[in-house]
Amino acid sequence: MSFGKTTPILRIFDEGKALEFYVEFLGFHVDWQHRFEPGFPLYLQVSKGNCVLHLSEHHGDTTPGSALRIETDELEAFREQLLAKGYGYARPEIQAMPWGSMDMPIADPFGNRLVFTNAICV
């Protein structure tokens, strides 16, 4: 039995704020976008490396306030890139966690929490 990758869906409320945060600040790329009709809610996929996220304005897809962990092997370098951008709504800091990882939590404009983390070697 095998399982594939997980693609989380995060709730967004404003296309402009979502693109500013995920694309301009975090450096994700928009892979595709979909609307059933003009003026309808947006559903899109963004990615950075092997990390793929779906962002949805659709009411029933998910709820705001989700949290997810995203592994990276260059956490400090990523933090420095983010700080250099001077984004006014986040100033990420790295925290040592009691279970052995280094974590950098960042909240998006919609209450979702992305925790960038290094891998824990077991």
PDB file of N, CA and C in Angstrom:
ATOM      1  N   MET A   1       0.852  -1.174   0.000  1.00  0.00           N
ATOM      2  CA  MET A   1       0.000   0.000   0.000  1.00  0.00           C
ATOM      3  C   MET A   1       0.894   1.232   0.000  1.00  0.00           C
ATOM      4  N   SER A   2       0.604   2.186  -0.850  1.00  0.00           N
ATOM      5  CA  SER A   2       1.401   3.413  -0.870  1.00  0.00           C
ATOM      6  C   SER A   2       0.484   4.625  -0.804  1.00  0.00           C
ATOM      7  N   PHE A   3       1.056   5.708  -0.366  1.00  0.00           N
ATOM      8  CA  PHE A   3       0.323   6.971  -0.268  1.00  0.00           C
ATOM      9  C   PHE A   3       1.123   8.040  -0.985  1.00  0.00           C
ATOM     10  N   GLY A   4       0.449   8.999  -1.565  1.00  0.00           N
ATOM     11  CA  GLY A   4       1.107  10.089  -2.271  1.00  0.00           C
ATOM     12  C   GLY A   4       1.309  11.288  -1.366  1.00  0.00           C
ATOM     13  N   LYS A   5       1.772  12.359  -1.963  1.00  0.00           N
ATOM     14  CA  LYS A   5       2.032  13.578  -1.199  1.00  0.00           C
ATOM     15  C   LYS A   5       0.728  14.200  -0.718  1.00  0.00           C
ATOM     16  N   THR A   6       0.831  15.039   0.266  1.00  0.00           N
ATOM     17  CA  THR A   6      -0.301  15.772   0.808  1.00  0.00           C
ATOM     18  C   THR A   6      -0.267  17.194   0.271  1.00  0.00           C
ATOM     19  N   THR A   7      -1.403  17.702  -0.184  1.00  0.00           N
ATOM     20  CA  THR A   7      -1.493  19.085  -0.645  1.00  0.00           C
ATOM     21  C   THR A   7      -2.519  19.797   0.219  1.00  0.00           C
ATOM     22  N   PRO A   8      -2.069  20.596   1.187  1.00  0.00           N
ATOM     23  CA  PRO A   8      -3.021  21.303   2.037  1.00  0.00           C
ATOM     24  C   PRO A   8      -3.762  22.400   1.275  1.00  0.00           C
ATOM     25  N   ILE A   9      -4.996  22.646   1.689  1.00  0.00           N
ATOM     26  CA  ILE A   9      -5.797  23.740   1.147  1.00  0.00           C
ATOM     27  C   ILE A   9      -5.937  24.779   2.263  1.00  0.00           C
ATOM     28  N   LEU A  10      -5.569  26.011   1.981  1.00  0.00           N
ATOM     29  CA  LEU A  10      -5.659  27.089   2.954  1.00  0.00           C
ATOM     30  C   LEU A  10      -6.700  28.101   2.499  1.00  0.00           C
ATOM     31  N   ARG A  11      -7.489  28.593   3.433  1.00  0.00           N
ATOM     32  CA  ARG A  11      -8.540  29.562   3.128  1.00  0.00           C
ATOM     33  C   ARG A  11      -7.928  30.946   2.998  1.00  0.00           C
ATOM     34  N   ILE A  12      -8.323  31.649   1.947  1.00  0.00           N
ATOM     35  CA  ILE A  12      -7.926  33.035   1.735  1.00  0.00           C
ATOM     36  C   ILE A  12      -9.189  33.860   1.518  1.00  0.00           C
ATOM     37  N   PHE A  13      -9.092  35.176   1.736  1.00  0.00           N
ATOM     38  CA  PHE A  13     -10.255  36.044   1.565  1.00  0.00           C
ATOM     39  C   PHE A  13     -10.015  37.162   0.572  1.00  0.00           C
ATOM     40  N   ASP A  14      -8.769  37.368   0.176  1.00  0.00           N
ATOM     41  CA  ASP A  14      -8.435  38.507  -0.661  1.00  0.00           C
ATOM     42  C   ASP A  14      -7.280  38.112  -1.575  1.00  0.00           C
ATOM     43  N   GLU A  15      -7.571  38.078  -2.868  1.00  0.00           N
ATOM     44  CA  GLU A  15      -6.569  37.652  -3.854  1.00  0.00           C
ATOM     45  C   GLU A  15      -5.299  38.497  -3.788  1.00  0.00           C
ATOM     46  N   GLY A  16      -5.430  39.812  -3.702  1.00  0.00           N
ATOM     47  CA  GLY A  16      -4.270  40.695  -3.661  1.00  0.00           C
ATOM     48  C   GLY A  16      -3.385  40.441  -2.453  1.00  0.00           C
ATOM     49  N   LYS A  17      -4.005  40.288  -1.280  1.00  0.00           N
ATOM     50  CA  LYS A  17      -3.228  40.028  -0.062  1.00  0.00           C
ATOM     51  C   LYS A  17      -2.574  38.649  -0.120  1.00  0.00           C
ATOM     52  N   ALA A  18      -3.281  37.689  -0.693  1.00  0.00           N
ATOM     53  CA  ALA A  18      -2.722  36.334  -0.810  1.00  0.00           C
ATOM     54  C   ALA A  18      -1.491  36.346  -1.704  1.00  0.00           C
ATOM     55  N   LEU A  19      -1.578  37.011  -2.849  1.00  0.00           N
ATOM     56  CA  LEU A  19      -0.436  37.066  -3.766  1.00  0.00           C
ATOM     57  C   LEU A  19       0.719  37.854  -3.164  1.00  0.00           C
ATOM     58  N   GLU A  20       0.403  38.940  -2.463  1.00  0.00           N
ATOM     59  CA  GLU A  20       1.464  39.711  -1.807  1.00  0.00           C
ATOM     60  C   GLU A  20       2.214  38.845  -0.797  1.00  0.00           C
ATOM     61  N   PHE A  21       1.484  38.075   0.007  1.00  0.00           N
ATOM     62  CA  PHE A  21       2.110  37.246   1.035  1.00  0.00           C
ATOM     63  C   PHE A  21       2.820  36.035   0.444  1.00  0.00           C
ATOM     64  N   TYR A  22       2.094  35.217  -0.309  1.00  0.00           N
ATOM     65  CA  TYR A  22       2.660  33.946  -0.764  1.00  0.00           C
ATOM     66  C   TYR A  22       3.671  34.102  -1.899  1.00  0.00           C
ATOM     67  N   VAL A  23       3.434  35.030  -2.822  1.00  0.00           N
ATOM     68  CA  VAL A  23       4.314  35.181  -3.981  1.00  0.00           C
ATOM     69  C   VAL A  23       5.401  36.220  -3.715  1.00  0.00           C
ATOM     70  N   GLU A  24       4.992  37.444  -3.393  1.00  0.00           N
ATOM     71  CA  GLU A  24       5.989  38.503  -3.225  1.00  0.00           C
ATOM     72  C   GLU A  24       6.843  38.325  -1.975  1.00  0.00           C
ATOM     73  N   PHE A  25       6.233  37.952  -0.844  1.00  0.00           N
ATOM     74  CA  PHE A  25       6.990  37.810   0.399  1.00  0.00           C
ATOM     75  C   PHE A  25       7.671  36.454   0.520  1.00  0.00           C
ATOM     76  N   LEU A  26       6.901  35.365   0.465  1.00  0.00           N
ATOM     77  CA  LEU A  26       7.486  34.034   0.676  1.00  0.00           C
ATOM     78  C   LEU A  26       8.209  33.483  -0.546  1.00  0.00           C
ATOM     79  N   GLY A  27       7.920  34.006  -1.733  1.00  0.00           N
ATOM     80  CA  GLY A  27       8.621  33.553  -2.925  1.00  0.00           C
ATOM     81  C   GLY A  27       8.028  32.337  -3.608  1.00  0.00           C
ATOM     82  N   PHE A  28       6.765  32.036  -3.330  1.00  0.00           N
ATOM     83  CA  PHE A  28       6.091  30.954  -4.046  1.00  0.00           C
ATOM     84  C   PHE A  28       5.775  31.421  -5.464  1.00  0.00           C
ATOM     85  N   HIS A  29       5.501  30.475  -6.354  1.00  0.00           N
ATOM     86  CA  HIS A  29       5.119  30.766  -7.733  1.00  0.00           C
ATOM     87  C   HIS A  29       3.674  30.319  -7.935  1.00  0.00           C
ATOM     88  N   VAL A  30       2.905  31.079  -8.688  1.00  0.00           N
ATOM     89  CA  VAL A  30       1.545  30.663  -9.031  1.00  0.00           C
ATOM     90  C   VAL A  30       1.652  29.654 -10.168  1.00  0.00           C
ATOM     91  N   ASP A  31       1.182  28.433  -9.926  1.00  0.00           N
ATOM     92  CA  ASP A  31       1.210  27.379 -10.942  1.00  0.00           C
ATOM     93  C   ASP A  31      -0.016  27.446 -11.845  1.00  0.00           C
ATOM     94  N   TRP A  32      -1.172  27.674 -11.245  1.00  0.00           N
ATOM     95  CA  TRP A  32      -2.413  27.817 -11.997  1.00  0.00           C
ATOM     96  C   TRP A  32      -3.468  28.460 -11.112  1.00  0.00           C
ATOM     97  N   GLN A  33      -4.500  29.006 -11.765  1.00  0.00           N
ATOM     98  CA  GLN A  33      -5.634  29.627 -11.089  1.00  0.00           C
ATOM     99  C   GLN A  33      -6.920  29.156 -11.748  1.00  0.00           C
ATOM    100  N   HIS A  34      -8.011  29.130 -10.972  1.00  0.00           N
ATOM    101  CA  HIS A  34      -9.299  28.729 -11.541  1.00  0.00           C
ATOM    102  C   HIS A  34     -10.426  29.516 -10.892  1.00  0.00           C
ATOM    103  N   ARG A  35     -11.367  29.944 -11.715  1.00  0.00           N
ATOM    104  CA  ARG A  35     -12.645  30.519 -11.285  1.00  0.00           C
ATOM    105  C   ARG A  35     -13.711  29.869 -12.163  1.00  0.00           C
ATOM    106  N   PHE A  36     -14.850  29.542 -11.591  1.00  0.00           N
ATOM    107  CA  PHE A  36     -15.934  28.975 -12.401  1.00  0.00           C
ATOM    108  C   PHE A  36     -16.490  30.003 -13.371  1.00  0.00           C
ATOM    109  N   GLU A  37     -16.525  31.257 -12.954  1.00  0.00           N
ATOM    110  CA  GLU A  37     -16.973  32.371 -13.794  1.00  0.00           C
ATOM    111  C   GLU A  37     -16.273  33.626 -13.297  1.00  0.00           C
ATOM    112  N   PRO A  38     -16.189  34.667 -14.129  1.00  0.00           N
ATOM    113  CA  PRO A  38     -15.631  35.933 -13.638  1.00  0.00           C
ATOM    114  C   PRO A  38     -16.394  36.416 -12.402  1.00  0.00           C
ATOM    115  N   GLY A  39     -15.656  36.894 -11.430  1.00  0.00           N
ATOM    116  CA  GLY A  39     -16.269  37.371 -10.195  1.00  0.00           C
ATOM    117  C   GLY A  39     -16.536  36.287  -9.165  1.00  0.00           C
ATOM    118  N   PHE A  40     -16.347  35.025  -9.531  1.00  0.00           N
ATOM    119  CA  PHE A  40     -16.527  33.924  -8.592  1.00  0.00           C
ATOM    120  C   PHE A  40     -15.254  33.758  -7.751  1.00  0.00           C
ATOM    121  N   PRO A  41     -15.329  32.989  -6.662  1.00  0.00           N
ATOM    122  CA  PRO A  41     -14.151  32.798  -5.808  1.00  0.00           C
ATOM    123  C   PRO A  41     -12.980  32.174  -6.576  1.00  0.00           C
ATOM    124  N   LEU A  42     -11.792  32.535  -6.141  1.00  0.00           N
ATOM    125  CA  LEU A  42     -10.551  32.058  -6.745  1.00  0.00           C
ATOM    126  C   LEU A  42     -10.063  30.785  -6.059  1.00  0.00           C
ATOM    127  N   TYR A  43      -9.533  29.863  -6.835  1.00  0.00           N
ATOM    128  CA  TYR A  43      -8.853  28.666  -6.333  1.00  0.00           C
ATOM    129  C   TYR A  43      -7.541  28.601  -7.096  1.00  0.00           C
ATOM    130  N   LEU A  44      -6.417  28.507  -6.393  1.00  0.00           N
ATOM    131  CA  LEU A  44      -5.145  28.480  -7.094  1.00  0.00           C
ATOM    132  C   LEU A  44      -4.141  27.582  -6.408  1.00  0.00           C
ATOM    133  N   GLN A  45      -3.126  27.222  -7.169  1.00  0.00           N
ATOM    134  CA  GLN A  45      -2.010  26.441  -6.636  1.00  0.00           C
ATOM    135  C   GLN A  45      -0.765  27.296  -6.679  1.00  0.00           C
ATOM    136  N   VAL A  46      -0.035  27.302  -5.539  1.00  0.00           N
ATOM    137  CA  VAL A  46       1.264  27.952  -5.471  1.00  0.00           C
ATOM    138  C   VAL A  46       2.290  26.909  -5.047  1.00  0.00           C
ATOM    139  N   SER A  47       3.541  27.120  -5.466  1.00  0.00           N
ATOM    140  CA  SER A  47       4.581  26.164  -5.089  1.00  0.00           C
ATOM    141  C   SER A  47       5.910  26.875  -4.904  1.00  0.00           C
ATOM    142  N   LYS A  48       6.745  26.240  -4.109  1.00  0.00           N
ATOM    143  CA  LYS A  48       8.128  26.675  -3.887  1.00  0.00           C
ATOM    144  C   LYS A  48       8.913  25.389  -3.689  1.00  0.00           C
ATOM    145  N   GLY A  49       9.769  25.067  -4.651  1.00  0.00           N
ATOM    146  CA  GLY A  49      10.450  23.774  -4.591  1.00  0.00           C
ATOM    147  C   GLY A  49       9.420  22.661  -4.639  1.00  0.00           C
ATOM    148  N   ASN A  50       9.529  21.706  -3.707  1.00  0.00           N
ATOM    149  CA  ASN A  50       8.584  20.589  -3.645  1.00  0.00           C
ATOM    150  C   ASN A  50       7.363  20.885  -2.790  1.00  0.00           C
ATOM    151  N   CYS A  51       7.284  22.076  -2.219  1.00  0.00           N
ATOM    152  CA  CYS A  51       6.138  22.448  -1.393  1.00  0.00           C
ATOM    153  C   CYS A  51       5.028  22.982  -2.290  1.00  0.00           C
ATOM    154  N   VAL A  52       3.869  22.348  -2.242  1.00  0.00           N
ATOM    155  CA  VAL A  52       2.710  22.739  -3.049  1.00  0.00           C
ATOM    156  C   VAL A  52       1.548  23.036  -2.106  1.00  0.00           C
ATOM    157  N   LEU A  53       0.937  24.210  -2.286  1.00  0.00           N
ATOM    158  CA  LEU A  53      -0.219  24.608  -1.492  1.00  0.00           C
ATOM    159  C   LEU A  53      -1.362  24.992  -2.413  1.00  0.00           C
ATOM    160  N   HIS A  54      -2.575  24.705  -1.992  1.00  0.00           N
ATOM    161  CA  HIS A  54      -3.758  25.203  -2.678  1.00  0.00           C
ATOM    162  C   HIS A  54      -4.347  26.302  -1.807  1.00  0.00           C
ATOM    163  N   LEU A  55      -4.732  27.406  -2.425  1.00  0.00           N
ATOM    164  CA  LEU A  55      -5.341  28.536  -1.729  1.00  0.00           C
ATOM    165  C   LEU A  55      -6.741  28.717  -2.296  1.00  0.00           C
ATOM    166  N   SER A  56      -7.720  28.872  -1.411  1.00  0.00           N
ATOM    167  CA  SER A  56      -9.106  28.912  -1.870  1.00  0.00           C
ATOM    168  C   SER A  56      -9.900  30.033  -1.208  1.00  0.00           C
ATOM    169  N   GLU A  57     -10.644  30.757  -2.041  1.00  0.00           N
ATOM    170  CA  GLU A  57     -11.620  31.725  -1.539  1.00  0.00           C
ATOM    171  C   GLU A  57     -12.994  31.081  -1.342  1.00  0.00           C
ATOM    172  N   HIS A  58     -13.148  29.819  -1.716  1.00  0.00           N
ATOM    173  CA  HIS A  58     -14.441  29.138  -1.607  1.00  0.00           C
ATOM    174  C   HIS A  58     -14.800  28.893  -0.143  1.00  0.00           C
ATOM    175  N   HIS A  59     -15.994  29.283   0.230  1.00  0.00           N
ATOM    176  CA  HIS A  59     -16.470  29.203   1.608  1.00  0.00           C
ATOM    177  C   HIS A  59     -16.372  27.797   2.204  1.00  0.00           C
ATOM    178  N   GLY A  60     -16.752  26.785   1.481  1.00  0.00           N
ATOM    179  CA  GLY A  60     -16.820  25.447   2.047  1.00  0.00           C
ATOM    180  C   GLY A  60     -15.551  24.619   1.973  1.00  0.00           C
ATOM    181  N   ASP A  61     -14.485  25.141   1.383  1.00  0.00           N
ATOM    182  CA  ASP A  61     -13.281  24.319   1.204  1.00  0.00           C
ATOM    183  C   ASP A  61     -12.514  24.058   2.489  1.00  0.00           C
ATOM    184  N   THR A  62     -12.408  25.044   3.331  1.00  0.00           N
ATOM    185  CA  THR A  62     -11.611  24.908   4.547  1.00  0.00           C
ATOM    186  C   THR A  62     -11.946  26.070   5.464  1.00  0.00           C
ATOM    187  N   THR A  63     -11.352  26.086   6.632  1.00  0.00           N
ATOM    188  CA  THR A  63     -11.594  27.183   7.568  1.00  0.00           C
ATOM    189  C   THR A  63     -10.297  27.928   7.825  1.00  0.00           C
ATOM    190  N   PRO A  64     -10.380  29.220   8.111  1.00  0.00           N
ATOM    191  CA  PRO A  64      -9.158  29.951   8.443  1.00  0.00           C
ATOM    192  C   PRO A  64      -8.606  29.458   9.774  1.00  0.00           C
ATOM    193  N   GLY A  65      -7.340  29.689   9.990  1.00  0.00           N
ATOM    194  CA  GLY A  65      -6.717  29.284  11.245  1.00  0.00           C
ATOM    195  C   GLY A  65      -6.034  27.933  11.177  1.00  0.00           C
ATOM    196  N   SER A  66      -5.811  27.419   9.983  1.00  0.00           N
ATOM    197  CA  SER A  66      -5.107  26.143   9.832  1.00  0.00           C
ATOM    198  C   SER A  66      -3.621  26.335  10.140  1.00  0.00           C
ATOM    199  N   ALA A  67      -2.948  25.252  10.430  1.00  0.00           N
ATOM    200  CA  ALA A  67      -1.508  25.289  10.665  1.00  0.00           C
ATOM    201  C   ALA A  67      -0.867  24.140   9.902  1.00  0.00           C
ATOM    202  N   LEU A  68       0.308  24.395   9.343  1.00  0.00           N
ATOM    203  CA  LEU A  68       1.037  23.338   8.665  1.00  0.00           C
ATOM    204  C   LEU A  68       2.532  23.554   8.837  1.00  0.00           C
ATOM    205  N   ARG A  69       3.282  22.479   8.706  1.00  0.00           N
ATOM    206  CA  ARG A  69       4.738  22.513   8.846  1.00  0.00           C
ATOM    207  C   ARG A  69       5.346  22.264   7.475  1.00  0.00           C
ATOM    208  N   ILE A  70       6.336  23.078   7.129  1.00  0.00           N
ATOM    209  CA  ILE A  70       7.016  22.971   5.839  1.00  0.00           C
ATOM    210  C   ILE A  70       8.501  22.818   6.113  1.00  0.00           C
ATOM    211  N   GLU A  71       9.066  21.678   5.724  1.00  0.00           N
ATOM    212  CA  GLU A  71      10.487  21.433   5.973  1.00  0.00           C
ATOM    213  C   GLU A  71      11.363  22.161   4.965  1.00  0.00           C
ATOM    214  N   THR A  72      12.477  22.684   5.462  1.00  0.00           N
ATOM    215  CA  THR A  72      13.497  23.292   4.620  1.00  0.00           C
ATOM    216  C   THR A  72      14.861  22.995   5.224  1.00  0.00           C
ATOM    217  N   ASP A  73      15.868  22.842   4.386  1.00  0.00           N
ATOM    218  CA  ASP A  73      17.207  22.574   4.892  1.00  0.00           C
ATOM    219  C   ASP A  73      18.040  23.848   5.004  1.00  0.00           C
ATOM    220  N   GLU A  74      17.441  24.993   4.682  1.00  0.00           N
ATOM    221  CA  GLU A  74      18.157  26.267   4.778  1.00  0.00           C
ATOM    222  C   GLU A  74      17.291  27.303   5.480  1.00  0.00           C
ATOM    223  N   LEU A  75      16.897  26.983   6.696  1.00  0.00           N
ATOM    224  CA  LEU A  75      15.972  27.820   7.443  1.00  0.00           C
ATOM    225  C   LEU A  75      16.550  29.217   7.707  1.00  0.00           C
ATOM    226  N   GLU A  76      17.788  29.307   8.138  1.00  0.00           N
ATOM    227  CA  GLU A  76      18.394  30.603   8.447  1.00  0.00           C
ATOM    228  C   GLU A  76      18.515  31.470   7.193  1.00  0.00           C
ATOM    229  N   ALA A  77      18.928  30.883   6.086  1.00  0.00           N
ATOM    230  CA  ALA A  77      19.048  31.642   4.830  1.00  0.00           C
ATOM    231  C   ALA A  77      17.673  32.136   4.375  1.00  0.00           C
ATOM    232  N   PHE A  78      16.650  31.303   4.534  1.00  0.00           N
ATOM    233  CA  PHE A  78      15.294  31.704   4.162  1.00  0.00           C
ATOM    234  C   PHE A  78      14.833  32.872   5.033  1.00  0.00           C
ATOM    235  N   ARG A  79      15.107  32.796   6.328  1.00  0.00           N
ATOM    236  CA  ARG A  79      14.747  33.893   7.240  1.00  0.00           C
ATOM    237  C   ARG A  79      15.418  35.190   6.798  1.00  0.00           C
ATOM    238  N   GLU A  80      16.689  35.136   6.463  1.00  0.00           N
ATOM    239  CA  GLU A  80      17.402  36.342   6.032  1.00  0.00           C
ATOM    240  C   GLU A  80      16.799  36.920   4.751  1.00  0.00           C
ATOM    241  N   GLN A  81      16.414  36.052   3.807  1.00  0.00           N
ATOM    242  CA  GLN A  81      15.756  36.518   2.580  1.00  0.00           C
ATOM    243  C   GLN A  81      14.452  37.245   2.901  1.00  0.00           C
ATOM    244  N   LEU A  82      13.679  36.670   3.818  1.00  0.00           N
ATOM    245  CA  LEU A  82      12.399  37.272   4.178  1.00  0.00           C
ATOM    246  C   LEU A  82      12.595  38.619   4.876  1.00  0.00           C
ATOM    247  N   LEU A  83      13.525  38.686   5.800  1.00  0.00           N
ATOM    248  CA  LEU A  83      13.771  39.945   6.509  1.00  0.00           C
ATOM    249  C   LEU A  83      14.246  41.037   5.557  1.00  0.00           C
ATOM    250  N   ALA A  84      15.040  40.667   4.554  1.00  0.00           N
ATOM    251  CA  ALA A  84      15.549  41.645   3.587  1.00  0.00           C
ATOM    252  C   ALA A  84      14.432  42.270   2.760  1.00  0.00           C
ATOM    253  N   LYS A  85      13.292  41.603   2.657  1.00  0.00           N
ATOM    254  CA  LYS A  85      12.182  42.128   1.870  1.00  0.00           C
ATOM    255  C   LYS A  85      11.432  43.247   2.588  1.00  0.00           C
ATOM    256  N   GLY A  86      11.612  43.363   3.895  1.00  0.00           N
ATOM    257  CA  GLY A  86      10.967  44.427   4.642  1.00  0.00           C
ATOM    258  C   GLY A  86       9.449  44.368   4.629  1.00  0.00           C
ATOM    259  N   TYR A  87       8.880  43.185   4.591  1.00  0.00           N
ATOM    260  CA  TYR A  87       7.424  43.010   4.609  1.00  0.00           C
ATOM    261  C   TYR A  87       6.878  43.550   5.929  1.00  0.00           C
ATOM    262  N   GLY A  88       5.917  44.417   5.869  1.00  0.00           N
ATOM    263  CA  GLY A  88       5.434  45.108   7.049  1.00  0.00           C
ATOM    264  C   GLY A  88       4.582  44.307   8.011  1.00  0.00           C
ATOM    265  N   TYR A  89       4.167  43.103   7.639  1.00  0.00           N
ATOM    266  CA  TYR A  89       3.232  42.357   8.470  1.00  0.00           C
ATOM    267  C   TYR A  89       3.823  41.095   9.097  1.00  0.00           C
ATOM    268  N   ALA A  90       5.119  40.864   8.908  1.00  0.00           N
ATOM    269  CA  ALA A  90       5.750  39.691   9.519  1.00  0.00           C
ATOM    270  C   ALA A  90       7.237  39.951   9.687  1.00  0.00           C
ATOM    271  N   ARG A  91       7.735  39.567  10.826  1.00  0.00           N
ATOM    272  CA  ARG A  91       9.168  39.636  11.107  1.00  0.00           C
ATOM    273  C   ARG A  91       9.559  38.287  11.704  1.00  0.00           C
ATOM    274  N   PRO A  92       9.789  37.301  10.839  1.00  0.00           N
ATOM    275  CA  PRO A  92       9.973  35.926  11.306  1.00  0.00           C
ATOM    276  C   PRO A  92      11.229  35.739  12.170  1.00  0.00           C
ATOM    277  N   GLU A  93      11.063  34.934  13.197  1.00  0.00           N
ATOM    278  CA  GLU A  93      12.162  34.554  14.092  1.00  0.00           C
ATOM    279  C   GLU A  93      12.212  33.031  14.180  1.00  0.00           C
ATOM    280  N   ILE A  94      13.404  32.509  14.352  1.00  0.00           N
ATOM    281  CA  ILE A  94      13.602  31.059  14.495  1.00  0.00           C
ATOM    282  C   ILE A  94      13.638  30.713  15.974  1.00  0.00           C
ATOM    283  N   GLN A  95      12.931  29.641  16.323  1.00  0.00           N
ATOM    284  CA  GLN A  95      12.843  29.200  17.708  1.00  0.00           C
ATOM    285  C   GLN A  95      13.312  27.756  17.825  1.00  0.00           C
ATOM    286  N   ALA A  96      14.104  27.465  18.866  1.00  0.00           N
ATOM    287  CA  ALA A  96      14.503  26.084  19.163  1.00  0.00           C
ATOM    288  C   ALA A  96      13.331  25.414  19.875  1.00  0.00           C
ATOM    289  N   MET A  97      12.910  24.258  19.373  1.00  0.00           N
ATOM    290  CA  MET A  97      11.770  23.554  19.946  1.00  0.00           C
ATOM    291  C   MET A  97      12.252  22.420  20.852  1.00  0.00           C
ATOM    292  N   PRO A  98      11.484  22.074  21.891  1.00  0.00           N
ATOM    293  CA  PRO A  98      11.931  21.045  22.829  1.00  0.00           C
ATOM    294  C   PRO A  98      12.087  19.657  22.204  1.00  0.00           C
ATOM    295  N   TRP A  99      11.456  19.420  21.054  1.00  0.00           N
ATOM    296  CA  TRP A  99      11.570  18.103  20.399  1.00  0.00           C
ATOM    297  C   TRP A  99      12.734  18.039  19.429  1.00  0.00           C
ATOM    298  N   GLY A 100      13.524  19.121  19.320  1.00  0.00           N
ATOM    299  CA  GLY A 100      14.761  19.067  18.552  1.00  0.00           C
ATOM    300  C   GLY A 100      14.782  19.810  17.235  1.00  0.00           C
ATOM    301  N   SER A 101      13.674  20.354  16.795  1.00  0.00           N
ATOM    302  CA  SER A 101      13.693  21.088  15.528  1.00  0.00           C
ATOM    303  C   SER A 101      13.897  22.578  15.793  1.00  0.00           C
ATOM    304  N   MET A 102      14.233  23.284  14.730  1.00  0.00           N
ATOM    305  CA  MET A 102      14.262  24.742  14.741  1.00  0.00           C
ATOM    306  C   MET A 102      13.078  25.163  13.889  1.00  0.00           C
ATOM    307  N   ASP A 103      12.202  26.004  14.433  1.00  0.00           N
ATOM    308  CA  ASP A 103      10.959  26.376  13.764  1.00  0.00           C
ATOM    309  C   ASP A 103      10.870  27.884  13.557  1.00  0.00           C
ATOM    310  N   MET A 104      10.270  28.272  12.422  1.00  0.00           N
ATOM    311  CA  MET A 104      10.027  29.672  12.127  1.00  0.00           C
ATOM    312  C   MET A 104       8.555  29.828  11.735  1.00  0.00           C
ATOM    313  N   PRO A 105       7.684  30.143  12.710  1.00  0.00           N
ATOM    314  CA  PRO A 105       6.265  30.305  12.394  1.00  0.00           C
ATOM    315  C   PRO A 105       5.992  31.673  11.770  1.00  0.00           C
ATOM    316  N   ILE A 106       5.113  31.678  10.774  1.00  0.00           N
ATOM    317  CA  ILE A 106       4.677  32.917  10.129  1.00  0.00           C
ATOM    318  C   ILE A 106       3.175  32.796   9.878  1.00  0.00           C
ATOM    319  N   ALA A 107       2.417  33.784  10.325  1.00  0.00           N
ATOM    320  CA  ALA A 107       0.969  33.791  10.077  1.00  0.00           C
ATOM    321  C   ALA A 107       0.690  34.520   8.767  1.00  0.00           C
ATOM    322  N   ASP A 108      -0.188  33.944   7.951  1.00  0.00           N
ATOM    323  CA  ASP A 108      -0.588  34.635   6.724  1.00  0.00           C
ATOM    324  C   ASP A 108      -1.675  35.657   7.051  1.00  0.00           C
ATOM    325  N   PRO A 109      -2.076  36.491   6.116  1.00  0.00           N
ATOM    326  CA  PRO A 109      -3.079  37.527   6.403  1.00  0.00           C
ATOM    327  C   PRO A 109      -4.471  36.992   6.754  1.00  0.00           C
ATOM    328  N   PHE A 110      -4.667  35.678   6.678  1.00  0.00           N
ATOM    329  CA  PHE A 110      -5.990  35.090   6.876  1.00  0.00           C
ATOM    330  C   PHE A 110      -6.058  34.212   8.125  1.00  0.00           C
ATOM    331  N   GLY A 111      -5.013  34.270   8.952  1.00  0.00           N
ATOM    332  CA  GLY A 111      -5.001  33.519  10.196  1.00  0.00           C
ATOM    333  C   GLY A 111      -4.425  32.123  10.099  1.00  0.00           C
ATOM    334  N   ASN A 112      -3.919  31.726   8.941  1.00  0.00           N
ATOM    335  CA  ASN A 112      -3.269  30.426   8.802  1.00  0.00           C
ATOM    336  C   ASN A 112      -1.826  30.557   9.276  1.00  0.00           C
ATOM    337  N   ARG A 113      -1.303  29.491   9.895  1.00  0.00           N
ATOM    338  CA  ARG A 113       0.055  29.527  10.430  1.00  0.00           C
ATOM    339  C   ARG A 113       0.931  28.539   9.668  1.00  0.00           C
ATOM    340  N   LEU A 114       1.948  29.073   9.011  1.00  0.00           N
ATOM    341  CA  LEU A 114       2.927  28.255   8.312  1.00  0.00           C
ATOM    342  C   LEU A 114       4.162  28.175   9.198  1.00  0.00           C
ATOM    343  N   VAL A 115       4.574  26.966   9.523  1.00  0.00           N
ATOM    344  CA  VAL A 115       5.757  26.777  10.354  1.00  0.00           C
ATOM    345  C   VAL A 115       6.843  26.171   9.474  1.00  0.00           C
ATOM    346  N   PHE A 116       7.822  26.996   9.130  1.00  0.00           N
ATOM    347  CA  PHE A 116       8.968  26.504   8.369  1.00  0.00           C
ATOM    348  C   PHE A 116       9.918  25.882   9.368  1.00  0.00           C
ATOM    349  N   THR A 117      10.406  24.674   9.071  1.00  0.00           N
ATOM    350  CA  THR A 117      11.164  23.918  10.053  1.00  0.00           C
ATOM    351  C   THR A 117      12.276  23.125   9.381  1.00  0.00           C
ATOM    352  N   ASN A 118      13.326  22.855  10.158  1.00  0.00           N
ATOM    353  CA  ASN A 118      14.345  21.936   9.651  1.00  0.00           C
ATOM    354  C   ASN A 118      13.892  20.514   9.989  1.00  0.00           C
ATOM    355  N   ALA A 119      14.415  19.545   9.297  1.00  0.00           N
ATOM    356  CA  ALA A 119      14.017  18.152   9.542  1.00  0.00           C
ATOM    357  C   ALA A 119      14.654  17.656  10.829  1.00  0.00           C
ATOM    358  N   ILE A 120      13.935  16.838  11.554  1.00  0.00           N
ATOM    359  CA  ILE A 120      14.479  16.179  12.750  1.00  0.00           C
ATOM    360  C   ILE A 120      15.020  14.838  12.309  1.00  0.00           C
ATOM    361  N   CYS A 121      16.295  14.620  12.538  1.00  0.00           N
ATOM    362  CA  CYS A 121      16.900  13.329  12.180  1.00  0.00           C
ATOM    363  C   CYS A 121      16.631  12.344  13.310  1.00  0.00           C
ATOM    364  N   VAL A 122      16.086  11.200  12.976  1.00  0.00           N
ATOM    365  CA  VAL A 122      15.757  10.196  13.990  1.00  0.00           C
ATOM    366  C   VAL A 122      16.660   9.002  13.865  1.00  0.00           C
TER     367      VAL A 122
END
